[in-house]
């Protein structure tokens, strides 16, 4: 199974520090993913076809800064990247291309918000999922990220203490709870999630 090992994020160090991340040299690590500030992009530990077909900038593994200087806990206590949102103009084409690049089919393809909502395809790439969304006329793009926290209330408090613009936790469509960052903070979708309790 391919793993998401690199994730490019828009914004600067100050913007991400305000969300409770410890940033060193424009980079920080969350779980198995090295986050690199600058532009929305991604990279995987293995690919099976040219990633240019996906229409998203690709981060090569020689980006540097992957050593222990990036390891450690963040004040927001985030543990890993839960999912990245990948908007595509045509879901059939995107599924064909993404399956070829990753060497795996989607785990699931359906209308999670009902027949009135967009159709989505979900790929497991290590700790994270790629949430592929048919978005009509928009060009392919990464449009957001959700981070997993074991304690969303503590994460929201840490983000607010760091000066970040975050809303109150609410119920998430997929279960558990979610708190969203004001979209204008970096002009991108950012959320923090807490898993649903196990029965």
N, C-alpha and C. Protein backbone atom coordinates (compact mmCIF):
# COMPACT_ATOMS: atom_id res chain seq x y z
N UNK A 1 0.85 -1.19 0.00
CA UNK A 1 0.00 0.00 0.00
C UNK A 1 0.89 1.24 0.00
N UNK A 2 0.61 2.21 -0.89
CA UNK A 2 1.37 3.45 -0.89
C UNK A 2 1.02 4.28 0.34
N UNK A 3 1.98 5.07 0.79
CA UNK A 3 1.78 5.94 1.95
C UNK A 3 1.97 7.39 1.56
N UNK A 4 1.11 8.26 2.06
CA UNK A 4 1.32 9.70 1.92
C UNK A 4 2.46 10.06 2.86
N UNK A 5 3.59 10.45 2.31
CA UNK A 5 4.76 10.76 3.13
C UNK A 5 5.16 12.22 3.08
N UNK A 6 4.61 12.97 2.12
CA UNK A 6 4.92 14.39 1.99
C UNK A 6 3.64 15.15 1.64
N UNK A 7 3.44 16.27 2.29
CA UNK A 7 2.25 17.08 2.04
C UNK A 7 2.64 18.54 2.01
N UNK A 8 2.43 19.18 0.86
CA UNK A 8 2.68 20.61 0.72
C UNK A 8 1.46 21.38 1.19
N UNK A 9 1.69 22.40 2.01
CA UNK A 9 0.61 23.19 2.59
C UNK A 9 0.81 24.66 2.25
N UNK A 10 -0.26 25.37 1.86
CA UNK A 10 -0.13 26.80 1.62
C UNK A 10 0.06 27.55 2.93
N UNK A 11 0.58 28.75 2.83
CA UNK A 11 0.76 29.56 4.04
C UNK A 11 2.20 29.57 4.49
N UNK A 12 2.45 30.39 5.53
CA UNK A 12 3.81 30.54 6.04
C UNK A 12 3.93 30.00 7.46
N UNK A 13 5.14 30.09 8.01
CA UNK A 13 5.39 29.54 9.35
C UNK A 13 4.51 30.18 10.41
N UNK A 14 4.31 31.48 10.31
CA UNK A 14 3.49 32.18 11.31
C UNK A 14 2.05 31.66 11.30
N UNK A 15 1.50 31.44 10.11
CA UNK A 15 0.11 30.95 10.00
C UNK A 15 -0.04 29.57 10.62
N UNK A 16 0.93 28.68 10.41
CA UNK A 16 0.83 27.32 10.94
C UNK A 16 1.20 27.28 12.42
N UNK A 17 2.09 28.14 12.86
CA UNK A 17 2.38 28.23 14.29
C UNK A 17 1.14 28.70 15.05
N UNK A 18 0.34 29.56 14.42
CA UNK A 18 -0.91 30.03 15.05
C UNK A 18 -1.95 28.92 15.15
N UNK A 19 -1.71 27.79 14.48
CA UNK A 19 -2.61 26.64 14.59
C UNK A 19 -2.04 25.59 15.55
N UNK A 20 -0.99 25.95 16.27
CA UNK A 20 -0.44 25.05 17.29
C UNK A 20 0.58 24.06 16.78
N UNK A 21 1.17 24.33 15.61
CA UNK A 21 2.23 23.46 15.09
C UNK A 21 3.60 24.06 15.38
N UNK A 22 4.56 23.22 15.66
CA UNK A 22 5.95 23.64 15.82
C UNK A 22 6.62 23.48 14.47
N UNK A 23 6.96 24.61 13.84
CA UNK A 23 7.49 24.63 12.48
C UNK A 23 8.98 24.94 12.53
N UNK A 24 9.79 24.16 11.81
CA UNK A 24 11.24 24.37 11.73
C UNK A 24 11.65 24.46 10.27
N UNK A 25 12.17 25.59 9.86
CA UNK A 25 12.62 25.75 8.48
C UNK A 25 11.54 25.53 7.45
N UNK A 26 10.31 25.95 7.75
CA UNK A 26 9.21 25.79 6.80
C UNK A 26 8.68 24.37 6.71
N UNK A 27 8.98 23.53 7.73
CA UNK A 27 8.55 22.14 7.71
C UNK A 27 8.12 21.69 9.10
N UNK A 28 7.24 20.70 9.12
CA UNK A 28 6.93 20.01 10.37
C UNK A 28 6.43 18.61 10.02
N UNK A 29 6.51 17.71 10.98
CA UNK A 29 6.08 16.34 10.76
C UNK A 29 4.83 16.05 11.59
N UNK A 30 3.87 15.36 10.94
CA UNK A 30 2.68 14.87 11.62
C UNK A 30 2.59 13.39 11.31
N UNK A 31 2.77 12.54 12.31
CA UNK A 31 2.77 11.11 12.06
C UNK A 31 3.83 10.75 11.05
N UNK A 32 3.44 10.08 9.95
CA UNK A 32 4.40 9.67 8.92
C UNK A 32 4.55 10.69 7.81
N UNK A 33 3.85 11.82 7.89
CA UNK A 33 3.87 12.81 6.81
C UNK A 33 4.72 14.01 7.16
N UNK A 34 5.66 14.33 6.27
CA UNK A 34 6.43 15.56 6.39
C UNK A 34 5.63 16.66 5.68
N UNK A 35 5.31 17.73 6.40
CA UNK A 35 4.57 18.85 5.83
C UNK A 35 5.56 19.95 5.44
N UNK A 36 5.43 20.43 4.22
CA UNK A 36 6.33 21.44 3.67
C UNK A 36 5.49 22.66 3.30
N UNK A 37 5.82 23.81 3.83
CA UNK A 37 5.03 25.01 3.57
C UNK A 37 5.40 25.64 2.24
N UNK A 38 4.41 26.17 1.55
CA UNK A 38 4.65 26.83 0.27
C UNK A 38 3.44 26.72 -0.65
N UNK A 39 3.22 25.54 -1.23
CA UNK A 39 2.08 25.34 -2.11
C UNK A 39 1.46 23.98 -1.83
N UNK A 40 0.20 23.84 -2.16
CA UNK A 40 -0.49 22.58 -1.98
C UNK A 40 0.11 21.54 -2.92
N UNK A 41 0.61 20.44 -2.34
CA UNK A 41 1.27 19.39 -3.11
C UNK A 41 1.26 18.11 -2.29
N UNK A 42 1.69 17.02 -2.91
CA UNK A 42 1.79 15.76 -2.17
C UNK A 42 2.89 14.90 -2.73
N UNK A 43 3.25 13.86 -1.94
CA UNK A 43 4.25 12.89 -2.36
C UNK A 43 4.00 11.58 -1.63
N UNK A 44 4.34 10.48 -2.28
CA UNK A 44 4.08 9.15 -1.73
C UNK A 44 5.37 8.35 -1.72
N UNK A 45 5.42 7.31 -0.87
CA UNK A 45 6.63 6.49 -0.81
C UNK A 45 6.76 5.55 -2.00
N UNK A 46 5.67 5.34 -2.73
CA UNK A 46 5.74 4.55 -3.96
C UNK A 46 4.66 5.02 -4.92
N UNK A 47 5.04 5.08 -6.19
CA UNK A 47 4.07 5.40 -7.24
C UNK A 47 4.29 4.43 -8.40
N UNK A 48 3.23 4.21 -9.20
CA UNK A 48 3.27 3.23 -10.27
C UNK A 48 3.05 3.85 -11.65
N UNK A 49 2.84 5.17 -11.70
CA UNK A 49 2.67 5.88 -12.96
C UNK A 49 3.04 7.34 -12.71
N UNK A 50 3.19 8.09 -13.79
CA UNK A 50 3.60 9.49 -13.67
C UNK A 50 2.55 10.30 -12.91
N UNK A 51 2.94 10.96 -11.82
CA UNK A 51 1.96 11.70 -11.02
C UNK A 51 1.45 12.97 -11.67
N UNK A 52 2.08 13.42 -12.75
CA UNK A 52 1.64 14.65 -13.43
C UNK A 52 0.20 14.54 -13.92
N UNK A 53 -0.27 13.31 -14.20
CA UNK A 53 -1.65 13.10 -14.67
C UNK A 53 -2.68 13.54 -13.64
N UNK A 54 -2.27 13.67 -12.38
CA UNK A 54 -3.22 14.02 -11.32
C UNK A 54 -3.48 15.53 -11.24
N UNK A 55 -2.65 16.33 -11.90
CA UNK A 55 -2.87 17.77 -11.92
C UNK A 55 -2.52 18.48 -10.62
N UNK A 56 -1.74 17.83 -9.75
CA UNK A 56 -1.34 18.40 -8.46
C UNK A 56 0.19 18.38 -8.40
N UNK A 57 0.84 19.46 -7.93
CA UNK A 57 2.30 19.42 -7.80
C UNK A 57 2.75 18.23 -6.96
N UNK A 58 3.86 17.62 -7.39
CA UNK A 58 4.37 16.43 -6.70
C UNK A 58 5.66 16.78 -5.95
N UNK A 59 5.72 16.42 -4.68
CA UNK A 59 6.90 16.65 -3.86
C UNK A 59 7.80 15.43 -3.92
N UNK A 60 8.98 15.60 -4.45
CA UNK A 60 9.94 14.50 -4.50
C UNK A 60 10.51 14.24 -3.11
N UNK A 61 11.03 13.05 -2.90
CA UNK A 61 11.51 12.65 -1.58
C UNK A 61 12.79 13.33 -1.16
N UNK A 62 13.48 14.01 -2.07
CA UNK A 62 14.72 14.68 -1.69
C UNK A 62 14.48 16.11 -1.20
N UNK A 63 13.29 16.38 -0.65
CA UNK A 63 12.96 17.73 -0.20
C UNK A 63 13.77 18.16 1.01
N UNK A 64 14.43 17.22 1.68
CA UNK A 64 15.28 17.58 2.83
C UNK A 64 14.45 17.78 4.09
N UNK A 65 15.13 17.92 5.20
CA UNK A 65 14.46 18.19 6.46
C UNK A 65 13.65 17.03 6.99
N UNK A 66 14.02 15.81 6.65
CA UNK A 66 13.24 14.67 7.10
C UNK A 66 13.81 14.03 8.36
N UNK A 67 14.81 14.62 8.93
CA UNK A 67 15.47 14.04 10.10
C UNK A 67 14.76 14.34 11.39
N UNK A 68 15.47 14.09 12.48
CA UNK A 68 14.87 14.19 13.81
C UNK A 68 14.49 15.62 14.18
N UNK A 69 15.03 16.61 13.46
CA UNK A 69 14.68 18.00 13.79
C UNK A 69 13.20 18.29 13.57
N UNK A 70 12.51 17.44 12.80
CA UNK A 70 11.09 17.64 12.56
C UNK A 70 10.22 16.84 13.52
N UNK A 71 10.81 15.90 14.24
CA UNK A 71 10.03 15.03 15.10
C UNK A 71 9.66 15.74 16.40
N UNK A 72 8.67 15.23 17.07
CA UNK A 72 8.26 15.81 18.34
C UNK A 72 6.79 16.12 18.36
N UNK A 73 6.32 16.47 19.51
CA UNK A 73 4.90 16.77 19.68
C UNK A 73 4.65 18.24 19.40
N UNK A 74 3.43 18.52 19.01
CA UNK A 74 3.00 19.88 18.74
C UNK A 74 2.07 20.33 19.87
N UNK A 75 2.03 21.62 20.19
CA UNK A 75 1.12 22.09 21.23
C UNK A 75 -0.34 21.71 21.00
N UNK A 76 -0.74 21.55 19.73
CA UNK A 76 -2.13 21.18 19.44
C UNK A 76 -2.40 19.68 19.61
N UNK A 77 -1.37 18.90 19.90
CA UNK A 77 -1.48 17.45 20.17
C UNK A 77 -2.00 16.62 18.99
N UNK A 78 -1.93 17.16 17.77
CA UNK A 78 -2.35 16.42 16.59
C UNK A 78 -1.47 15.19 16.43
N UNK A 79 -2.07 14.06 16.05
CA UNK A 79 -1.30 12.82 15.96
C UNK A 79 -1.00 12.37 14.53
N UNK A 80 -1.89 12.68 13.57
CA UNK A 80 -1.62 12.32 12.17
C UNK A 80 -2.57 13.07 11.25
N UNK A 81 -2.27 13.01 9.94
CA UNK A 81 -3.15 13.57 8.92
C UNK A 81 -4.28 12.56 8.71
N UNK A 82 -5.52 12.98 8.92
CA UNK A 82 -6.66 12.09 8.71
C UNK A 82 -6.99 11.97 7.23
N UNK A 83 -7.13 13.12 6.56
CA UNK A 83 -7.40 13.06 5.12
C UNK A 83 -7.03 14.37 4.44
N UNK A 84 -6.78 14.27 3.14
CA UNK A 84 -6.61 15.44 2.28
C UNK A 84 -7.74 15.42 1.27
N UNK A 85 -8.20 16.60 0.90
CA UNK A 85 -9.31 16.74 -0.04
C UNK A 85 -8.74 17.08 -1.42
N UNK A 86 -9.11 16.26 -2.39
CA UNK A 86 -8.62 16.38 -3.77
C UNK A 86 -9.82 16.63 -4.68
N UNK A 87 -9.96 17.89 -5.14
CA UNK A 87 -11.05 18.24 -6.05
C UNK A 87 -10.66 17.89 -7.47
N UNK A 88 -11.61 17.33 -8.21
CA UNK A 88 -11.35 16.95 -9.60
C UNK A 88 -12.56 17.31 -10.46
N UNK A 89 -12.33 17.64 -11.74
CA UNK A 89 -13.47 17.98 -12.59
C UNK A 89 -14.31 16.77 -12.99
N UNK A 90 -13.69 15.60 -13.09
CA UNK A 90 -14.41 14.39 -13.50
C UNK A 90 -13.94 13.23 -12.64
N UNK A 91 -14.83 12.66 -11.86
CA UNK A 91 -14.44 11.62 -10.91
C UNK A 91 -13.99 10.34 -11.61
N UNK A 92 -14.61 9.96 -12.71
CA UNK A 92 -14.21 8.74 -13.41
C UNK A 92 -12.75 8.84 -13.88
N UNK A 93 -12.41 9.96 -14.50
CA UNK A 93 -11.03 10.16 -14.97
C UNK A 93 -10.07 10.19 -13.80
N UNK A 94 -10.44 10.87 -12.72
CA UNK A 94 -9.57 10.97 -11.56
C UNK A 94 -9.33 9.60 -10.93
N UNK A 95 -10.38 8.78 -10.83
CA UNK A 95 -10.23 7.44 -10.25
C UNK A 95 -9.30 6.60 -11.12
N UNK A 96 -9.46 6.68 -12.44
CA UNK A 96 -8.56 5.94 -13.34
C UNK A 96 -7.11 6.37 -13.13
N UNK A 97 -6.86 7.69 -13.11
CA UNK A 97 -5.50 8.21 -12.98
C UNK A 97 -4.92 7.95 -11.60
N UNK A 98 -5.70 8.19 -10.55
CA UNK A 98 -5.20 8.01 -9.19
C UNK A 98 -4.93 6.53 -8.91
N UNK A 99 -5.78 5.65 -9.41
CA UNK A 99 -5.56 4.22 -9.24
C UNK A 99 -4.28 3.77 -9.94
N UNK A 100 -4.01 4.34 -11.13
CA UNK A 100 -2.78 4.00 -11.85
C UNK A 100 -1.55 4.48 -11.10
N UNK A 101 -1.59 5.71 -10.58
CA UNK A 101 -0.43 6.28 -9.86
C UNK A 101 -0.18 5.53 -8.56
N UNK A 102 -1.23 5.26 -7.81
CA UNK A 102 -1.07 4.62 -6.51
C UNK A 102 -0.95 3.10 -6.60
N UNK A 103 -1.43 2.52 -7.68
CA UNK A 103 -1.39 1.07 -7.83
C UNK A 103 -2.45 0.34 -7.02
N UNK A 104 -3.50 1.07 -6.61
CA UNK A 104 -4.60 0.49 -5.83
C UNK A 104 -5.92 1.12 -6.28
N UNK A 105 -7.02 0.39 -6.11
CA UNK A 105 -8.33 0.99 -6.39
C UNK A 105 -8.81 1.79 -5.18
N UNK A 106 -9.86 2.59 -5.35
CA UNK A 106 -10.40 3.28 -4.18
C UNK A 106 -11.00 2.27 -3.19
N UNK A 107 -10.95 2.62 -1.92
CA UNK A 107 -11.58 1.77 -0.90
C UNK A 107 -13.09 1.81 -1.02
N UNK A 108 -13.59 2.99 -1.39
CA UNK A 108 -15.03 3.17 -1.47
C UNK A 108 -15.32 4.33 -2.41
N UNK A 109 -16.46 4.24 -3.09
CA UNK A 109 -16.93 5.32 -3.96
C UNK A 109 -18.42 5.43 -3.77
N UNK A 110 -18.89 6.61 -3.34
CA UNK A 110 -20.32 6.76 -3.05
C UNK A 110 -20.65 8.24 -2.86
N UNK A 111 -21.90 8.51 -2.48
CA UNK A 111 -22.39 9.86 -2.22
C UNK A 111 -22.56 10.00 -0.70
N UNK A 112 -21.51 10.36 0.04
CA UNK A 112 -21.59 10.36 1.50
C UNK A 112 -22.59 11.36 2.07
N UNK A 113 -22.93 12.39 1.32
CA UNK A 113 -23.90 13.38 1.81
C UNK A 113 -25.27 13.20 1.17
N UNK A 114 -25.48 12.03 0.58
CA UNK A 114 -26.76 11.76 -0.08
C UNK A 114 -26.70 12.09 -1.56
N UNK A 115 -27.75 11.75 -2.31
CA UNK A 115 -27.74 11.92 -3.76
C UNK A 115 -27.64 13.37 -4.21
N UNK A 116 -27.94 14.32 -3.34
CA UNK A 116 -27.83 15.74 -3.71
C UNK A 116 -26.40 16.25 -3.58
N UNK A 117 -25.55 15.53 -2.86
CA UNK A 117 -24.17 15.95 -2.66
C UNK A 117 -23.25 15.38 -3.73
N UNK A 118 -21.97 15.78 -3.70
CA UNK A 118 -21.04 15.27 -4.71
C UNK A 118 -20.67 13.81 -4.46
N UNK A 119 -20.37 13.11 -5.54
CA UNK A 119 -19.85 11.75 -5.42
C UNK A 119 -18.38 11.84 -5.04
N UNK A 120 -17.94 10.91 -4.19
CA UNK A 120 -16.56 10.90 -3.72
C UNK A 120 -15.97 9.50 -3.83
N UNK A 121 -14.65 9.45 -3.95
CA UNK A 121 -13.91 8.19 -3.91
C UNK A 121 -12.82 8.34 -2.85
N UNK A 122 -12.65 7.30 -2.05
CA UNK A 122 -11.72 7.36 -0.92
C UNK A 122 -10.60 6.35 -1.10
N UNK A 123 -9.37 6.84 -0.98
CA UNK A 123 -8.18 6.00 -1.08
C UNK A 123 -7.45 6.02 0.25
N UNK A 124 -7.06 4.85 0.75
CA UNK A 124 -6.25 4.77 1.95
C UNK A 124 -4.78 4.84 1.52
N UNK A 125 -4.04 5.82 2.07
CA UNK A 125 -2.62 5.99 1.75
C UNK A 125 -1.84 6.08 3.06
N UNK A 126 -1.76 4.94 3.76
CA UNK A 126 -1.09 4.89 5.05
C UNK A 126 -2.03 5.36 6.14
N UNK A 127 -1.58 6.31 6.95
CA UNK A 127 -2.42 6.83 8.02
C UNK A 127 -3.61 7.62 7.47
N UNK A 128 -3.43 8.22 6.32
CA UNK A 128 -4.40 9.17 5.78
C UNK A 128 -5.27 8.55 4.69
N UNK A 129 -6.36 9.25 4.41
CA UNK A 129 -7.20 8.98 3.25
C UNK A 129 -7.05 10.14 2.27
N UNK A 130 -7.23 9.85 1.00
CA UNK A 130 -7.45 10.89 0.00
C UNK A 130 -8.95 10.89 -0.26
N UNK A 131 -9.58 12.02 -0.02
CA UNK A 131 -11.01 12.21 -0.26
C UNK A 131 -11.13 12.88 -1.63
N UNK A 132 -11.41 12.10 -2.66
CA UNK A 132 -11.47 12.60 -4.03
C UNK A 132 -12.91 13.01 -4.33
N UNK A 133 -13.09 14.29 -4.70
CA UNK A 133 -14.42 14.86 -4.84
C UNK A 133 -14.64 15.36 -6.26
N UNK A 134 -15.68 14.86 -6.91
CA UNK A 134 -16.07 15.38 -8.21
C UNK A 134 -16.64 16.79 -8.03
N UNK A 135 -15.89 17.79 -8.52
CA UNK A 135 -16.24 19.18 -8.26
C UNK A 135 -16.63 19.96 -9.51
N UNK A 136 -16.98 19.27 -10.58
CA UNK A 136 -17.44 19.97 -11.77
C UNK A 136 -16.33 20.66 -12.53
N UNK A 137 -16.53 21.92 -12.87
CA UNK A 137 -15.63 22.64 -13.76
C UNK A 137 -14.30 23.05 -13.12
N UNK A 138 -14.13 22.85 -11.85
CA UNK A 138 -12.87 23.24 -11.21
C UNK A 138 -11.72 22.36 -11.70
N UNK A 139 -10.52 22.93 -11.85
CA UNK A 139 -9.37 22.11 -12.22
C UNK A 139 -8.94 21.25 -11.03
N UNK A 140 -8.18 20.17 -11.28
CA UNK A 140 -7.72 19.34 -10.17
C UNK A 140 -6.90 20.16 -9.18
N UNK A 141 -7.14 19.93 -7.89
CA UNK A 141 -6.40 20.67 -6.86
C UNK A 141 -6.59 20.02 -5.51
N UNK A 142 -5.58 20.14 -4.67
CA UNK A 142 -5.76 19.82 -3.26
C UNK A 142 -6.41 21.04 -2.64
N UNK A 143 -7.50 20.83 -1.91
CA UNK A 143 -8.26 21.98 -1.40
C UNK A 143 -8.35 22.03 0.12
N UNK A 144 -7.81 21.02 0.81
CA UNK A 144 -7.88 21.07 2.26
C UNK A 144 -7.29 19.85 2.92
N UNK A 145 -7.18 19.94 4.24
CA UNK A 145 -6.60 18.86 5.04
C UNK A 145 -7.32 18.79 6.38
N UNK A 146 -7.43 17.59 6.91
CA UNK A 146 -7.98 17.40 8.26
C UNK A 146 -6.95 16.62 9.07
N UNK A 147 -6.69 17.10 10.28
CA UNK A 147 -5.75 16.48 11.19
C UNK A 147 -6.51 15.78 12.31
N UNK A 148 -6.01 14.63 12.75
CA UNK A 148 -6.66 13.88 13.82
C UNK A 148 -6.06 14.24 15.17
N UNK A 149 -6.94 14.46 16.13
CA UNK A 149 -6.54 14.77 17.50
C UNK A 149 -7.20 13.79 18.45
N UNK A 150 -6.49 13.33 19.47
CA UNK A 150 -7.13 12.44 20.44
C UNK A 150 -8.06 13.18 21.39
N UNK A 151 -7.93 14.52 21.47
CA UNK A 151 -8.74 15.34 22.38
C UNK A 151 -9.02 16.67 21.70
N UNK A 152 -10.15 16.75 21.01
CA UNK A 152 -10.44 17.94 20.21
C UNK A 152 -10.60 19.19 21.06
N UNK A 153 -11.18 19.08 22.25
CA UNK A 153 -11.32 20.26 23.10
C UNK A 153 -9.96 20.83 23.46
N UNK A 154 -8.99 19.97 23.78
CA UNK A 154 -7.64 20.42 24.11
C UNK A 154 -6.96 21.03 22.89
N UNK A 155 -7.19 20.44 21.72
CA UNK A 155 -6.61 20.99 20.48
C UNK A 155 -7.16 22.37 20.18
N UNK A 156 -8.48 22.53 20.29
CA UNK A 156 -9.09 23.83 20.04
C UNK A 156 -8.55 24.87 21.03
N UNK A 157 -8.41 24.50 22.29
CA UNK A 157 -7.86 25.42 23.29
C UNK A 157 -6.43 25.81 22.95
N UNK A 158 -5.63 24.84 22.48
CA UNK A 158 -4.23 25.13 22.12
C UNK A 158 -4.15 26.03 20.90
N UNK A 159 -5.01 25.80 19.91
CA UNK A 159 -5.03 26.65 18.72
C UNK A 159 -5.44 28.07 19.10
N UNK A 160 -6.45 28.20 19.93
CA UNK A 160 -6.87 29.54 20.35
C UNK A 160 -5.78 30.24 21.17
N UNK A 161 -5.07 29.47 22.00
CA UNK A 161 -3.98 30.05 22.79
C UNK A 161 -2.85 30.54 21.90
N UNK A 162 -2.67 29.88 20.74
CA UNK A 162 -1.63 30.28 19.80
C UNK A 162 -2.09 31.41 18.88
N UNK A 163 -3.36 31.80 18.99
CA UNK A 163 -3.89 32.89 18.18
C UNK A 163 -4.59 32.46 16.92
N UNK A 164 -4.86 31.17 16.78
CA UNK A 164 -5.49 30.67 15.56
C UNK A 164 -6.99 30.86 15.54
N UNK A 165 -7.57 31.13 14.34
CA UNK A 165 -9.01 31.34 14.19
C UNK A 165 -9.74 30.02 13.96
N UNK A 166 -10.22 29.40 15.03
CA UNK A 166 -10.87 28.10 14.92
C UNK A 166 -12.26 28.16 15.54
N UNK A 167 -13.20 27.44 14.93
CA UNK A 167 -14.57 27.39 15.45
C UNK A 167 -14.71 26.38 16.56
N UNK A 168 -15.90 26.32 17.11
CA UNK A 168 -16.21 25.36 18.17
C UNK A 168 -16.37 23.97 17.56
N UNK A 169 -16.06 22.92 18.32
CA UNK A 169 -16.29 21.56 17.83
C UNK A 169 -17.77 21.31 17.57
N UNK A 170 -18.03 20.51 16.53
CA UNK A 170 -19.40 20.10 16.22
C UNK A 170 -19.35 18.68 15.69
N UNK A 171 -20.52 18.06 15.54
CA UNK A 171 -20.58 16.69 15.03
C UNK A 171 -20.10 16.65 13.59
N UNK A 172 -19.31 15.62 13.26
CA UNK A 172 -18.80 15.44 11.90
C UNK A 172 -19.69 14.48 11.12
N UNK A 173 -19.76 14.66 9.81
CA UNK A 173 -20.58 13.81 8.95
C UNK A 173 -20.17 12.35 9.10
N UNK A 174 -18.86 12.10 9.20
CA UNK A 174 -18.36 10.73 9.28
C UNK A 174 -18.33 10.17 10.69
N UNK A 175 -18.90 10.88 11.64
CA UNK A 175 -18.88 10.47 13.04
C UNK A 175 -17.78 11.22 13.79
N UNK A 176 -17.82 11.19 15.09
CA UNK A 176 -16.86 11.96 15.86
C UNK A 176 -17.18 13.44 15.83
N UNK A 177 -16.18 14.25 16.08
CA UNK A 177 -16.38 15.71 16.07
C UNK A 177 -15.30 16.37 15.23
N UNK A 178 -15.61 17.61 14.80
CA UNK A 178 -14.71 18.36 13.94
C UNK A 178 -14.76 19.83 14.34
N UNK A 179 -13.63 20.52 14.20
CA UNK A 179 -13.56 21.97 14.39
C UNK A 179 -12.80 22.54 13.19
N UNK A 180 -13.37 23.52 12.55
CA UNK A 180 -12.78 24.08 11.33
C UNK A 180 -12.07 25.40 11.60
N UNK A 181 -11.01 25.60 10.85
CA UNK A 181 -10.26 26.86 10.87
C UNK A 181 -10.90 27.80 9.86
N UNK A 182 -10.94 29.09 10.20
CA UNK A 182 -11.46 30.10 9.27
C UNK A 182 -10.75 29.97 7.93
N UNK A 183 -11.51 29.81 6.85
CA UNK A 183 -10.96 29.54 5.52
C UNK A 183 -9.96 30.61 5.08
N UNK A 184 -10.19 31.84 5.46
CA UNK A 184 -9.29 32.92 5.05
C UNK A 184 -7.94 32.90 5.72
N UNK A 185 -7.74 32.04 6.70
CA UNK A 185 -6.46 32.00 7.42
C UNK A 185 -5.29 31.72 6.48
N UNK A 186 -5.42 30.71 5.62
CA UNK A 186 -4.42 30.46 4.59
C UNK A 186 -5.08 30.29 3.21
N UNK A 187 -6.40 30.57 3.13
CA UNK A 187 -7.12 30.42 1.87
C UNK A 187 -7.30 28.97 1.47
N UNK A 188 -7.48 28.10 2.47
CA UNK A 188 -7.53 26.66 2.22
C UNK A 188 -8.36 26.03 3.32
N UNK A 189 -8.93 24.88 3.08
CA UNK A 189 -9.71 24.19 4.10
C UNK A 189 -8.81 23.47 5.10
N UNK A 190 -8.96 23.78 6.39
CA UNK A 190 -8.20 23.12 7.45
C UNK A 190 -9.16 22.77 8.57
N UNK A 191 -9.10 21.53 9.02
CA UNK A 191 -9.96 21.10 10.12
C UNK A 191 -9.17 20.18 11.05
N UNK A 192 -9.65 20.13 12.28
CA UNK A 192 -9.12 19.21 13.28
C UNK A 192 -10.26 18.28 13.66
N UNK A 193 -9.98 16.99 13.75
CA UNK A 193 -11.02 16.00 14.01
C UNK A 193 -10.68 15.17 15.23
N UNK A 194 -11.75 14.61 15.80
CA UNK A 194 -11.62 13.68 16.91
C UNK A 194 -12.43 12.45 16.53
N UNK A 195 -11.88 11.25 16.70
CA UNK A 195 -12.62 10.05 16.30
C UNK A 195 -13.87 9.84 17.11
N UNK A 196 -14.82 9.13 16.50
CA UNK A 196 -16.04 8.80 17.25
C UNK A 196 -15.69 7.78 18.33
N UNK A 197 -16.37 7.85 19.48
CA UNK A 197 -16.07 6.92 20.56
C UNK A 197 -16.39 5.49 20.15
N UNK A 198 -15.58 4.56 20.61
CA UNK A 198 -15.85 3.14 20.35
C UNK A 198 -16.80 2.60 21.40
N UNK A 199 -17.77 1.81 20.94
CA UNK A 199 -18.75 1.23 21.88
C UNK A 199 -18.23 -0.05 22.50
